[in-house]
Amino acid sequence: MRACTRQPSPSSRCFWAPRLAIFLLGPGLIAAQDRAAAPLSPIDDAKLRHQFQAAAEAWISDSSIPRGTSLLESWKTRKDSPTWSRPSPTPTGDKPAPQLAPQDVYRRAAPATLILGHLYKCGKCAKWHPSLAGGVVIDPSGIAVTNYHVLKTARAEIFGAMRPDGEVFPVMEILAASEPDDLAVIRLRVPERQKPLPSIRLAPVNDPPGTDILVISHPDGRFFTCSDGMIARHFLAPDTKSARTHITADYARGSSGCGVFNLRGELTALVSSTQSIYYSEEKGVPQNLQMVVKSTIPVGSLLKLLEIPPR
């Protein structure tokens, strides 16, 4: 009998000789300050993974929760527009918002950061397995944003999202999405007693190159990891001509959909993919890694998807 093996974090790999492009699946102002404690104690990754799986498995028998594969199909075939309150970006004015210390950005943004993923079966055993990525809560009612490719999977049985404190919520519907922009806005089912959720404000415009940023991500299941860097450039994706932003902060697989935050504590971009640049190639195998370029989705694309005019 073959051993049961975990499905790799769903990824899309394509060689752009000599580069390797990888989607990073696996994972402002805060509302509800009394429930917005950042995970400052040591994080138990195995416990969080188990909590997500246990909660999601309990939903499988609940017919009111949509199956994972139906989320995108329901959104594509829906004829009416869902009713929901779109989040507002930080108001602009003559006086810019004050910058925060990096540790304060983490304290504000981590409670709004989600472990977002699905359950699937590997085909080698009868067990359910979690595949985890990330997302960010952008409205305290339970509206969150992640990557389109996080939801685009044929093997997902059910999707859920978990906060740092272990609260897990089912994903109920897609409210807006764009595959070229690699964005999806989703609604979580949040009990009234757990509202409002800690949420993050959107930056009103794309921050310029040179802006200091922090990423809170889940590299290969290392949940709520903080890394810093800056915005390197804005550019158009060669295949879709959609806006993208390169940053210098580190992240890795499992981080798709996680947030990139400026030092005002606003969401300025969303993690999407990496491209590995190699110096040479031998017999079709890239050699001599030189650089890993981090590609993200700028907040301007999210504002466009939400039909919020740039300020």
C-alpha atoms as a PDB file:
ATOM      1  CA  MET A   1       0.000   0.000   0.000  1.00  0.00           C
ATOM      2  CA  ARG A   2       1.306   3.414  -0.897  1.00  0.00           C
ATOM      3  CA  ALA A   3       1.798   5.787   1.970  1.00  0.00           C
ATOM      4  CA  CYS A   4      -0.550   8.720   2.177  1.00  0.00           C
ATOM      5  CA  THR A   5       1.270  11.879   1.187  1.00  0.00           C
ATOM      6  CA  ARG A   6       0.201  15.441   1.689  1.00  0.00           C
ATOM      7  CA  GLN A   7      -0.746  17.320  -1.432  1.00  0.00           C
ATOM      8  CA  PRO A   8       1.895  19.964  -2.092  1.00  0.00           C
ATOM      9  CA  SER A   9       0.714  23.506  -1.601  1.00  0.00           C
ATOM     10  CA  PRO A  10      -1.164  24.046  -4.878  1.00  0.00           C
ATOM     11  CA  SER A  11       1.177  25.944  -7.123  1.00  0.00           C
ATOM     12  CA  SER A  12       1.537  26.910 -10.726  1.00  0.00           C
ATOM     13  CA  ARG A  13       5.026  26.529 -12.123  1.00  0.00           C
ATOM     14  CA  CYS A  14       6.134  27.757 -15.506  1.00  0.00           C
ATOM     15  CA  PHE A  15       9.687  28.181 -16.745  1.00  0.00           C
ATOM     16  CA  TRP A  16      10.487  31.560 -18.191  1.00  0.00           C
ATOM     17  CA  ALA A  17      14.044  30.606 -18.995  1.00  0.00           C
ATOM     18  CA  PRO A  18      15.898  31.198 -16.870  1.00  0.00           C
ATOM     19  CA  ARG A  19      13.179  32.041 -14.335  1.00  0.00           C
ATOM     20  CA  LEU A  20      10.723  29.948 -12.325  1.00  0.00           C
ATOM     21  CA  ALA A  21       7.342  31.498 -11.505  1.00  0.00           C
ATOM     22  CA  ILE A  22       5.501  30.081  -8.516  1.00  0.00           C
ATOM     23  CA  PHE A  23       2.093  30.881  -7.054  1.00  0.00           C
ATOM     24  CA  LEU A  24       2.320  30.792  -3.298  1.00  0.00           C
ATOM     25  CA  LEU A  25      -0.567  28.735  -2.005  1.00  0.00           C
ATOM     26  CA  GLY A  26      -0.280  26.457   0.887  1.00  0.00           C
ATOM     27  CA  PRO A  27      -1.146  31.145   3.823  1.00  0.00           C
ATOM     28  CA  GLY A  28      -4.772  50.177   8.670  1.00  0.00           C
ATOM     29  CA  LEU A  29      -6.855  50.483  11.497  1.00  0.00           C
ATOM     30  CA  ILE A  30      -8.172  47.631  13.517  1.00  0.00           C
ATOM     31  CA  ALA A  31     -11.748  47.322  14.636  1.00  0.00           C
ATOM     32  CA  ALA A  32     -12.733  45.442  17.795  1.00  0.00           C
ATOM     33  CA  GLN A  33      -9.628  46.388  19.738  1.00  0.00           C
ATOM     34  CA  ASP A  34     -10.612  44.164  22.657  1.00  0.00           C
ATOM     35  CA  ARG A  35     -10.270  41.092  20.416  1.00  0.00           C
ATOM     36  CA  ALA A  36      -7.366  42.343  18.337  1.00  0.00           C
ATOM     37  CA  ALA A  37      -4.410  40.961  20.234  1.00  0.00           C
ATOM     38  CA  ALA A  38      -1.607  40.018  17.861  1.00  0.00           C
ATOM     39  CA  PRO A  39      -0.076  36.551  18.265  1.00  0.00           C
ATOM     40  CA  LEU A  40       2.837  37.668  20.446  1.00  0.00           C
ATOM     41  CA  SER A  41       3.074  34.385  22.370  1.00  0.00           C
ATOM     42  CA  PRO A  42       4.905  31.486  20.680  1.00  0.00           C
ATOM     43  CA  ILE A  43       2.807  30.200  17.780  1.00  0.00           C
ATOM     44  CA  ASP A  44       1.948  26.496  17.718  1.00  0.00           C
ATOM     45  CA  ASP A  45       1.763  25.818  13.975  1.00  0.00           C
ATOM     46  CA  ALA A  46       0.684  22.186  14.386  1.00  0.00           C
ATOM     47  CA  LYS A  47      -2.128  23.160  16.758  1.00  0.00           C
ATOM     48  CA  LEU A  48      -3.462  25.827  14.397  1.00  0.00           C
ATOM     49  CA  ARG A  49      -3.366  23.404  11.491  1.00  0.00           C
ATOM     50  CA  HIS A  50      -5.260  20.814  13.560  1.00  0.00           C
ATOM     51  CA  GLN A  51      -7.860  23.389  14.657  1.00  0.00           C
ATOM     52  CA  PHE A  52      -8.494  24.397  11.054  1.00  0.00           C
ATOM     53  CA  GLN A  53      -8.871  20.796   9.924  1.00  0.00           C
ATOM     54  CA  ALA A  54     -11.165  19.820  12.812  1.00  0.00           C
ATOM     55  CA  ALA A  55     -13.487  22.778  12.232  1.00  0.00           C
ATOM     56  CA  ALA A  56     -13.609  22.286   8.468  1.00  0.00           C
ATOM     57  CA  GLU A  57     -14.299  18.554   8.768  1.00  0.00           C
ATOM     58  CA  ALA A  58     -17.255  19.327  11.032  1.00  0.00           C
ATOM     59  CA  TRP A  59     -18.758  21.497   8.267  1.00  0.00           C
ATOM     60  CA  ILE A  60     -18.747  18.752   5.638  1.00  0.00           C
ATOM     61  CA  SER A  61     -22.128  17.433   6.812  1.00  0.00           C
ATOM     62  CA  ASP A  62     -23.611  20.964   6.919  1.00  0.00           C
ATOM     63  CA  SER A  63     -25.553  21.461   3.693  1.00  0.00           C
ATOM     64  CA  SER A  64     -25.832  25.212   4.297  1.00  0.00           C
ATOM     65  CA  ILE A  65     -22.097  25.628   3.642  1.00  0.00           C
ATOM     66  CA  PRO A  66     -21.199  25.623  -0.076  1.00  0.00           C
ATOM     67  CA  ARG A  67     -18.831  23.008  -1.444  1.00  0.00           C
ATOM     68  CA  GLY A  68     -15.434  24.343  -2.388  1.00  0.00           C
ATOM     69  CA  THR A  69     -15.693  23.663  -6.097  1.00  0.00           C
ATOM     70  CA  SER A  70     -19.037  25.472  -6.304  1.00  0.00           C
ATOM     71  CA  LEU A  71     -17.776  28.830  -5.028  1.00  0.00           C
ATOM     72  CA  LEU A  72     -16.243  30.010  -8.294  1.00  0.00           C
ATOM     73  CA  GLU A  73     -18.964  28.414 -10.420  1.00  0.00           C
ATOM     74  CA  SER A  74     -21.693  30.142  -8.413  1.00  0.00           C
ATOM     75  CA  TRP A  75     -19.926  33.467  -8.803  1.00  0.00           C
ATOM     76  CA  LYS A  76     -19.416  33.004 -12.561  1.00  0.00           C
ATOM     77  CA  THR A  77     -23.064  32.077 -13.194  1.00  0.00           C
ATOM     78  CA  ARG A  78     -24.663  34.583 -10.818  1.00  0.00           C
ATOM     79  CA  LYS A  79     -26.839  37.076 -12.693  1.00  0.00           C
ATOM     80  CA  ASP A  80     -27.535  39.551  -9.905  1.00  0.00           C
ATOM     81  CA  SER A  81     -25.007  41.537  -7.901  1.00  0.00           C
ATOM     82  CA  PRO A  82     -24.637  40.537  -4.249  1.00  0.00           C
ATOM     83  CA  THR A  83     -25.610  43.156  -1.693  1.00  0.00           C
ATOM     84  CA  TRP A  84     -22.799  44.116   0.635  1.00  0.00           C
ATOM     85  CA  SER A  85     -21.111  47.149   2.095  1.00  0.00           C
ATOM     86  CA  ARG A  86     -17.820  47.911   0.400  1.00  0.00           C
ATOM     87  CA  PRO A  87     -14.971  48.899   2.727  1.00  0.00           C
ATOM     88  CA  SER A  88     -13.622  52.429   2.533  1.00  0.00           C
ATOM     89  CA  PRO A  89      -9.934  53.214   2.119  1.00  0.00           C
ATOM     90  CA  THR A  90      -8.210  55.531   4.535  1.00  0.00           C
ATOM     91  CA  PRO A  91      -9.424  59.104   3.831  1.00  0.00           C
ATOM     92  CA  THR A  92      -6.850  61.305   2.161  1.00  0.00           C
ATOM     93  CA  GLY A  93      -6.160  64.864   3.205  1.00  0.00           C
ATOM     94  CA  ASP A  94      -3.483  67.483   3.497  1.00  0.00           C
ATOM     95  CA  LYS A  95      -1.960  65.841   6.567  1.00  0.00           C
ATOM     96  CA  PRO A  96      -0.639  62.306   5.969  1.00  0.00           C
ATOM     97  CA  ALA A  97      -1.363  59.613   8.519  1.00  0.00           C
ATOM     98  CA  PRO A  98       1.493  59.125  10.992  1.00  0.00           C
ATOM     99  CA  GLN A  99       3.884  56.258  10.435  1.00  0.00           C
ATOM    100  CA  LEU A 100       4.042  53.483  12.994  1.00  0.00           C
ATOM    101  CA  ALA A 101       6.918  51.425  14.311  1.00  0.00           C
ATOM    102  CA  PRO A 102       7.116  48.046  12.529  1.00  0.00           C
ATOM    103  CA  GLN A 103       6.135  46.176  15.696  1.00  0.00           C
ATOM    104  CA  ASP A 104       3.006  48.328  15.971  1.00  0.00           C
ATOM    105  CA  VAL A 105       2.091  47.568  12.357  1.00  0.00           C
ATOM    106  CA  TYR A 106       2.363  43.868  13.198  1.00  0.00           C
ATOM    107  CA  ARG A 107       0.209  44.270  16.297  1.00  0.00           C
ATOM    108  CA  ARG A 108      -2.482  45.977  14.224  1.00  0.00           C
ATOM    109  CA  ALA A 109      -2.334  43.862  11.073  1.00  0.00           C
ATOM    110  CA  ALA A 110      -1.796  40.340  12.438  1.00  0.00           C
ATOM    111  CA  PRO A 111      -5.291  40.069  14.015  1.00  0.00           C
ATOM    112  CA  ALA A 112      -6.802  40.822  10.575  1.00  0.00           C
ATOM    113  CA  THR A 113      -4.595  38.219   8.882  1.00  0.00           C
ATOM    114  CA  LEU A 114      -6.224  34.882   8.039  1.00  0.00           C
ATOM    115  CA  ILE A 115      -5.095  31.333   7.469  1.00  0.00           C
ATOM    116  CA  LEU A 116      -7.352  30.564   4.498  1.00  0.00           C
ATOM    117  CA  GLY A 117      -7.600  27.212   2.801  1.00  0.00           C
ATOM    118  CA  HIS A 118      -9.551  24.087   1.983  1.00  0.00           C
ATOM    119  CA  LEU A 119      -9.851  20.375   2.680  1.00  0.00           C
ATOM    120  CA  TYR A 120      -9.123  17.801  -0.022  1.00  0.00           C
ATOM    121  CA  LYS A 121      -8.556  14.056  -0.355  1.00  0.00           C
ATOM    122  CA  CYS A 122      -5.239  12.845  -1.686  1.00  0.00           C
ATOM    123  CA  GLY A 123      -6.672   9.760  -3.407  1.00  0.00           C
ATOM    124  CA  LYS A 124      -4.328   7.452  -1.493  1.00  0.00           C
ATOM    125  CA  CYS A 125      -6.285   7.266   1.769  1.00  0.00           C
ATOM    126  CA  ALA A 126      -9.703   8.106   3.192  1.00  0.00           C
ATOM    127  CA  LYS A 127      -8.518  11.052   5.257  1.00  0.00           C
ATOM    128  CA  TRP A 128      -9.100  14.745   4.673  1.00  0.00           C
ATOM    129  CA  HIS A 129      -6.044  16.977   4.363  1.00  0.00           C
ATOM    130  CA  PRO A 130      -5.777  20.780   4.668  1.00  0.00           C
ATOM    131  CA  SER A 131      -4.168  22.977   2.025  1.00  0.00           C
ATOM    132  CA  LEU A 132      -3.533  26.402   3.524  1.00  0.00           C
ATOM    133  CA  ALA A 133      -2.783  29.875   2.201  1.00  0.00           C
ATOM    134  CA  GLY A 134      -3.741  33.349   3.455  1.00  0.00           C
ATOM    135  CA  GLY A 135      -6.162  36.247   3.352  1.00  0.00           C
ATOM    136  CA  VAL A 136      -6.911  39.581   5.010  1.00  0.00           C
ATOM    137  CA  VAL A 137     -10.126  40.830   6.659  1.00  0.00           C
ATOM    138  CA  ILE A 138     -11.037  44.191   5.112  1.00  0.00           C
ATOM    139  CA  ASP A 139     -14.446  44.730   6.737  1.00  0.00           C
ATOM    140  CA  PRO A 140     -15.473  43.842  10.319  1.00  0.00           C
ATOM    141  CA  SER A 141     -18.637  42.086   9.116  1.00  0.00           C
ATOM    142  CA  GLY A 142     -16.465  39.271   7.746  1.00  0.00           C
ATOM    143  CA  ILE A 143     -15.452  40.462   4.274  1.00  0.00           C
ATOM    144  CA  ALA A 144     -11.965  39.298   3.321  1.00  0.00           C
ATOM    145  CA  VAL A 145      -9.668  39.340   0.301  1.00  0.00           C
ATOM    146  CA  THR A 146      -7.385  36.636  -1.044  1.00  0.00           C
ATOM    147  CA  ASN A 147      -5.928  35.523  -4.379  1.00  0.00           C
ATOM    148  CA  TYR A 148      -8.142  34.168  -7.135  1.00  0.00           C
ATOM    149  CA  HIS A 149      -5.818  31.201  -7.574  1.00  0.00           C
ATOM    150  CA  VAL A 150      -6.320  30.232  -3.909  1.00  0.00           C
ATOM    151  CA  LEU A 151      -9.970  29.461  -4.732  1.00  0.00           C
ATOM    152  CA  LYS A 152      -9.330  27.969  -8.166  1.00  0.00           C
ATOM    153  CA  THR A 153      -8.891  24.299  -7.338  1.00  0.00           C
ATOM    154  CA  ALA A 154     -10.804  21.258  -8.510  1.00  0.00           C
ATOM    155  CA  ARG A 155     -10.131  19.191  -5.380  1.00  0.00           C
ATOM    156  CA  ALA A 156     -11.467  21.497  -2.674  1.00  0.00           C
ATOM    157  CA  GLU A 157     -14.310  20.072  -0.601  1.00  0.00           C
ATOM    158  CA  ILE A 158     -14.821  23.080   1.649  1.00  0.00           C
ATOM    159  CA  PHE A 159     -13.118  26.426   2.282  1.00  0.00           C
ATOM    160  CA  GLY A 160     -12.525  28.083   5.633  1.00  0.00           C
ATOM    161  CA  ALA A 161     -10.603  30.953   7.203  1.00  0.00           C
ATOM    162  CA  MET A 162      -8.950  31.045  10.621  1.00  0.00           C
ATOM    163  CA  ARG A 163      -7.862  33.956  12.787  1.00  0.00           C
ATOM    164  CA  PRO A 164      -4.716  33.906  14.985  1.00  0.00           C
ATOM    165  CA  ASP A 165      -6.803  33.025  18.053  1.00  0.00           C
ATOM    166  CA  GLY A 166      -8.038  29.810  16.420  1.00  0.00           C
ATOM    167  CA  GLU A 167     -11.535  31.005  15.454  1.00  0.00           C
ATOM    168  CA  VAL A 168     -12.497  29.366  12.151  1.00  0.00           C
ATOM    169  CA  PHE A 169     -15.216  30.567   9.762  1.00  0.00           C
ATOM    170  CA  PRO A 170     -16.596  28.950   6.591  1.00  0.00           C
ATOM    171  CA  VAL A 171     -16.301  30.783   3.277  1.00  0.00           C
ATOM    172  CA  MET A 172     -19.862  31.328   2.067  1.00  0.00           C
ATOM    173  CA  GLU A 173     -19.587  33.182  -1.231  1.00  0.00           C
ATOM    174  CA  ILE A 174     -17.435  35.169  -3.605  1.00  0.00           C
ATOM    175  CA  LEU A 175     -18.546  38.793  -3.787  1.00  0.00           C
ATOM    176  CA  ALA A 176     -16.138  40.014  -6.464  1.00  0.00           C
ATOM    177  CA  ALA A 177     -13.270  38.422  -8.345  1.00  0.00           C
ATOM    178  CA  SER A 178     -10.796  38.975 -11.160  1.00  0.00           C
ATOM    179  CA  GLU A 179      -8.580  36.208 -12.482  1.00  0.00           C
ATOM    180  CA  PRO A 180      -6.251  38.572 -14.408  1.00  0.00           C
ATOM    181  CA  ASP A 181      -5.787  40.605 -11.215  1.00  0.00           C
ATOM    182  CA  ASP A 182      -5.556  37.415  -9.109  1.00  0.00           C
ATOM    183  CA  LEU A 183      -8.041  38.818  -6.592  1.00  0.00           C
ATOM    184  CA  ALA A 184     -11.148  37.455  -4.886  1.00  0.00           C
ATOM    185  CA  VAL A 185     -13.309  39.176  -2.275  1.00  0.00           C
ATOM    186  CA  ILE A 186     -15.169  36.677  -0.092  1.00  0.00           C
ATOM    187  CA  ARG A 187     -17.776  36.627   2.638  1.00  0.00           C
ATOM    188  CA  LEU A 188     -17.183  34.602   5.796  1.00  0.00           C
ATOM    189  CA  ARG A 189     -20.010  33.316   7.982  1.00  0.00           C
ATOM    190  CA  VAL A 190     -19.290  35.020  11.301  1.00  0.00           C
ATOM    191  CA  PRO A 191     -21.645  34.530  14.272  1.00  0.00           C
ATOM    192  CA  GLU A 192     -23.030  37.786  15.642  1.00  0.00           C
ATOM    193  CA  ARG A 193     -21.363  37.151  18.992  1.00  0.00           C
ATOM    194  CA  GLN A 194     -17.973  37.191  17.245  1.00  0.00           C
ATOM    195  CA  LYS A 195     -18.545  40.441  15.362  1.00  0.00           C
ATOM    196  CA  PRO A 196     -16.986  42.813  14.642  1.00  0.00           C
ATOM    197  CA  LEU A 197     -13.863  41.103  13.374  1.00  0.00           C
ATOM    198  CA  PRO A 198     -10.540  42.949  13.508  1.00  0.00           C
ATOM    199  CA  SER A 199     -10.059  44.416  10.036  1.00  0.00           C
ATOM    200  CA  ILE A 200      -7.527  46.484   8.138  1.00  0.00           C
ATOM    201  CA  ARG A 201      -8.001  49.704   6.173  1.00  0.00           C
ATOM    202  CA  LEU A 202      -7.015  49.914   2.517  1.00  0.00           C
ATOM    203  CA  ALA A 203      -4.387  52.369   1.353  1.00  0.00           C
ATOM    204  CA  PRO A 204      -6.137  55.014  -0.798  1.00  0.00           C
ATOM    205  CA  VAL A 205      -3.567  54.783  -3.634  1.00  0.00           C
ATOM    206  CA  ASN A 206      -0.638  52.632  -4.661  1.00  0.00           C
ATOM    207  CA  ASP A 207       2.379  53.503  -2.548  1.00  0.00           C
ATOM    208  CA  PRO A 208       5.439  54.544  -4.605  1.00  0.00           C
ATOM    209  CA  PRO A 209       8.655  52.537  -5.025  1.00  0.00           C
ATOM    210  CA  GLY A 210      10.913  52.991  -2.020  1.00  0.00           C
ATOM    211  CA  THR A 211       8.018  52.796   0.457  1.00  0.00           C
ATOM    212  CA  ASP A 212       8.840  50.665   3.505  1.00  0.00           C
ATOM    213  CA  ILE A 213       6.507  47.689   3.939  1.00  0.00           C
ATOM    214  CA  LEU A 214       5.853  44.666   6.148  1.00  0.00           C
ATOM    215  CA  VAL A 215       4.497  41.295   5.051  1.00  0.00           C
ATOM    216  CA  ILE A 216       2.654  38.962   7.436  1.00  0.00           C
ATOM    217  CA  SER A 217       2.552  35.558   5.774  1.00  0.00           C
ATOM    218  CA  HIS A 218       2.590  31.787   6.263  1.00  0.00           C
ATOM    219  CA  PRO A 219       5.731  30.451   4.523  1.00  0.00           C
ATOM    220  CA  ASP A 220       5.312  26.677   4.261  1.00  0.00           C
ATOM    221  CA  GLY A 221       3.043  26.598   7.326  1.00  0.00           C
ATOM    222  CA  ARG A 222       5.081  28.963   9.504  1.00  0.00           C
ATOM    223  CA  PHE A 223       2.039  31.011  10.386  1.00  0.00           C
ATOM    224  CA  PHE A 224       2.044  34.781  10.981  1.00  0.00           C
ATOM    225  CA  THR A 225       5.669  35.333   9.989  1.00  0.00           C
ATOM    226  CA  CYS A 226       6.711  38.989   9.702  1.00  0.00           C
ATOM    227  CA  SER A 227       9.239  40.160   7.107  1.00  0.00           C
ATOM    228  CA  ASP A 228      10.187  43.647   5.994  1.00  0.00           C
ATOM    229  CA  GLY A 229      11.377  45.359   2.855  1.00  0.00           C
ATOM    230  CA  MET A 230      10.245  48.000   0.413  1.00  0.00           C
ATOM    231  CA  ILE A 231       8.224  48.437  -2.735  1.00  0.00           C
ATOM    232  CA  ALA A 232      10.683  47.848  -5.577  1.00  0.00           C
ATOM    233  CA  ARG A 233       8.592  48.793  -8.619  1.00  0.00           C
ATOM    234  CA  HIS A 234       5.162  48.737 -10.242  1.00  0.00           C
ATOM    235  CA  PHE A 235       4.831  46.927 -13.579  1.00  0.00           C
ATOM    236  CA  LEU A 236       2.440  45.119 -15.923  1.00  0.00           C
ATOM    237  CA  ALA A 237       2.318  41.321 -15.939  1.00  0.00           C
ATOM    238  CA  PRO A 238       3.613  40.196 -19.345  1.00  0.00           C
ATOM    239  CA  ASP A 239       0.783  37.709 -19.953  1.00  0.00           C
ATOM    240  CA  THR A 240      -2.291  39.622 -18.753  1.00  0.00           C
ATOM    241  CA  LYS A 241      -1.001  43.230 -18.713  1.00  0.00           C
ATOM    242  CA  SER A 242      -2.525  43.501 -15.246  1.00  0.00           C
ATOM    243  CA  ALA A 243      -0.883  45.672 -12.600  1.00  0.00           C
ATOM    244  CA  ARG A 244       1.680  44.031 -10.343  1.00  0.00           C
ATOM    245  CA  THR A 245       4.086  45.285  -7.673  1.00  0.00           C
ATOM    246  CA  HIS A 246       7.504  43.877  -6.890  1.00  0.00           C
ATOM    247  CA  ILE A 247       8.590  44.021  -3.245  1.00  0.00           C
ATOM    248  CA  THR A 248      11.803  43.033  -1.468  1.00  0.00           C
ATOM    249  CA  ALA A 249      10.271  41.464   1.676  1.00  0.00           C
ATOM    250  CA  ASP A 250      10.583  37.685   1.904  1.00  0.00           C
ATOM    251  CA  TYR A 251       7.748  35.173   1.681  1.00  0.00           C
ATOM    252  CA  ALA A 252       7.345  31.650   0.307  1.00  0.00           C
ATOM    253  CA  ARG A 253       4.763  29.028  -0.628  1.00  0.00           C
ATOM    254  CA  GLY A 254       1.758  29.002   1.659  1.00  0.00           C
ATOM    255  CA  SER A 255       1.660  32.808   1.638  1.00  0.00           C
ATOM    256  CA  SER A 256      -0.694  33.450  -1.280  1.00  0.00           C
ATOM    257  CA  GLY A 257      -3.334  36.014  -0.344  1.00  0.00           C
ATOM    258  CA  CYS A 258      -1.430  37.374   2.645  1.00  0.00           C
ATOM    259  CA  GLY A 259      -1.135  41.106   3.231  1.00  0.00           C
ATOM    260  CA  VAL A 260       1.558  43.648   2.432  1.00  0.00           C
ATOM    261  CA  PHE A 261       1.242  46.623   4.790  1.00  0.00           C
ATOM    262  CA  ASN A 262       2.748  50.103   4.740  1.00  0.00           C
ATOM    263  CA  LEU A 263       3.972  51.772   7.918  1.00  0.00           C
ATOM    264  CA  ARG A 264       0.644  53.583   8.273  1.00  0.00           C
ATOM    265  CA  GLY A 265      -0.843  50.161   8.961  1.00  0.00           C
ATOM    266  CA  GLU A 266      -2.791  50.044   5.686  1.00  0.00           C
ATOM    267  CA  LEU A 267      -3.093  47.190   3.209  1.00  0.00           C
ATOM    268  CA  THR A 268      -1.037  48.284   0.211  1.00  0.00           C
ATOM    269  CA  ALA A 269      -0.719  44.977  -1.697  1.00  0.00           C
ATOM    270  CA  LEU A 270      -1.472  41.259  -1.585  1.00  0.00           C
ATOM    271  CA  VAL A 271       1.083  38.457  -1.914  1.00  0.00           C
ATOM    272  CA  SER A 272       0.692  36.552  -5.192  1.00  0.00           C
ATOM    273  CA  SER A 273       3.759  34.737  -6.556  1.00  0.00           C
ATOM    274  CA  THR A 274       7.536  34.507  -6.854  1.00  0.00           C
ATOM    275  CA  GLN A 275       9.845  34.292  -9.857  1.00  0.00           C
ATOM    276  CA  SER A 276      13.237  32.665  -9.404  1.00  0.00           C
ATOM    277  CA  ILE A 277      15.954  34.088 -11.676  1.00  0.00           C
ATOM    278  CA  TYR A 278      18.756  31.698 -12.598  1.00  0.00           C
ATOM    279  CA  TYR A 279      21.991  32.614 -14.350  1.00  0.00           C
ATOM    280  CA  SER A 280      22.045  29.569 -16.615  1.00  0.00           C
ATOM    281  CA  GLU A 281      20.351  26.334 -17.574  1.00  0.00           C
ATOM    282  CA  GLU A 282      21.884  22.898 -18.137  1.00  0.00           C
ATOM    283  CA  LYS A 283      19.896  20.125 -19.812  1.00  0.00           C
ATOM    284  CA  GLY A 284      16.689  21.987 -19.061  1.00  0.00           C
ATOM    285  CA  VAL A 285      17.492  22.403 -15.373  1.00  0.00           C
ATOM    286  CA  PRO A 286      17.983  25.968 -14.056  1.00  0.00           C
ATOM    287  CA  GLN A 287      21.384  26.532 -12.455  1.00  0.00           C
ATOM    288  CA  ASN A 288      22.954  29.192 -10.230  1.00  0.00           C
ATOM    289  CA  LEU A 289      20.036  30.935  -8.528  1.00  0.00           C
ATOM    290  CA  GLN A 290      20.672  34.683  -8.458  1.00  0.00           C
ATOM    291  CA  MET A 291      17.476  36.284  -7.184  1.00  0.00           C
ATOM    292  CA  VAL A 292      13.907  35.521  -6.149  1.00  0.00           C
ATOM    293  CA  VAL A 293      11.548  38.268  -7.276  1.00  0.00           C
ATOM    294  CA  LYS A 294       8.393  38.750  -5.184  1.00  0.00           C
ATOM    295  CA  SER A 295       5.283  39.737  -7.177  1.00  0.00           C
ATOM    296  CA  THR A 296       2.223  41.158  -5.426  1.00  0.00           C
ATOM    297  CA  ILE A 297      -1.136  42.662  -6.364  1.00  0.00           C
ATOM    298  CA  PRO A 298      -1.259  46.430  -5.682  1.00  0.00           C
ATOM    299  CA  VAL A 299      -4.113  47.940  -3.700  1.00  0.00           C
ATOM    300  CA  GLY A 300      -5.123  49.951  -6.771  1.00  0.00           C
ATOM    301  CA  SER A 301      -6.324  46.735  -8.416  1.00  0.00           C
ATOM    302  CA  LEU A 302      -8.403  45.904  -5.341  1.00  0.00           C
ATOM    303  CA  LEU A 303      -9.923  49.390  -5.288  1.00  0.00           C
ATOM    304  CA  LYS A 304     -10.842  48.940  -8.954  1.00  0.00           C
ATOM    305  CA  LEU A 305     -12.437  45.561  -8.230  1.00  0.00           C
ATOM    306  CA  LEU A 306     -14.411  47.083  -5.353  1.00  0.00           C
ATOM    307  CA  GLU A 307     -15.454  49.948  -7.656  1.00  0.00           C
ATOM    308  CA  ILE A 308     -13.876  52.472  -5.298  1.00  0.00           C
ATOM    309  CA  PRO A 309     -12.404  55.413  -7.248  1.00  0.00           C
ATOM    310  CA  PRO A 310      -8.747  56.157  -6.426  1.00  0.00           C
ATOM    311  CA  ARG A 311      -8.266  59.175  -4.158  1.00  0.00           C
END
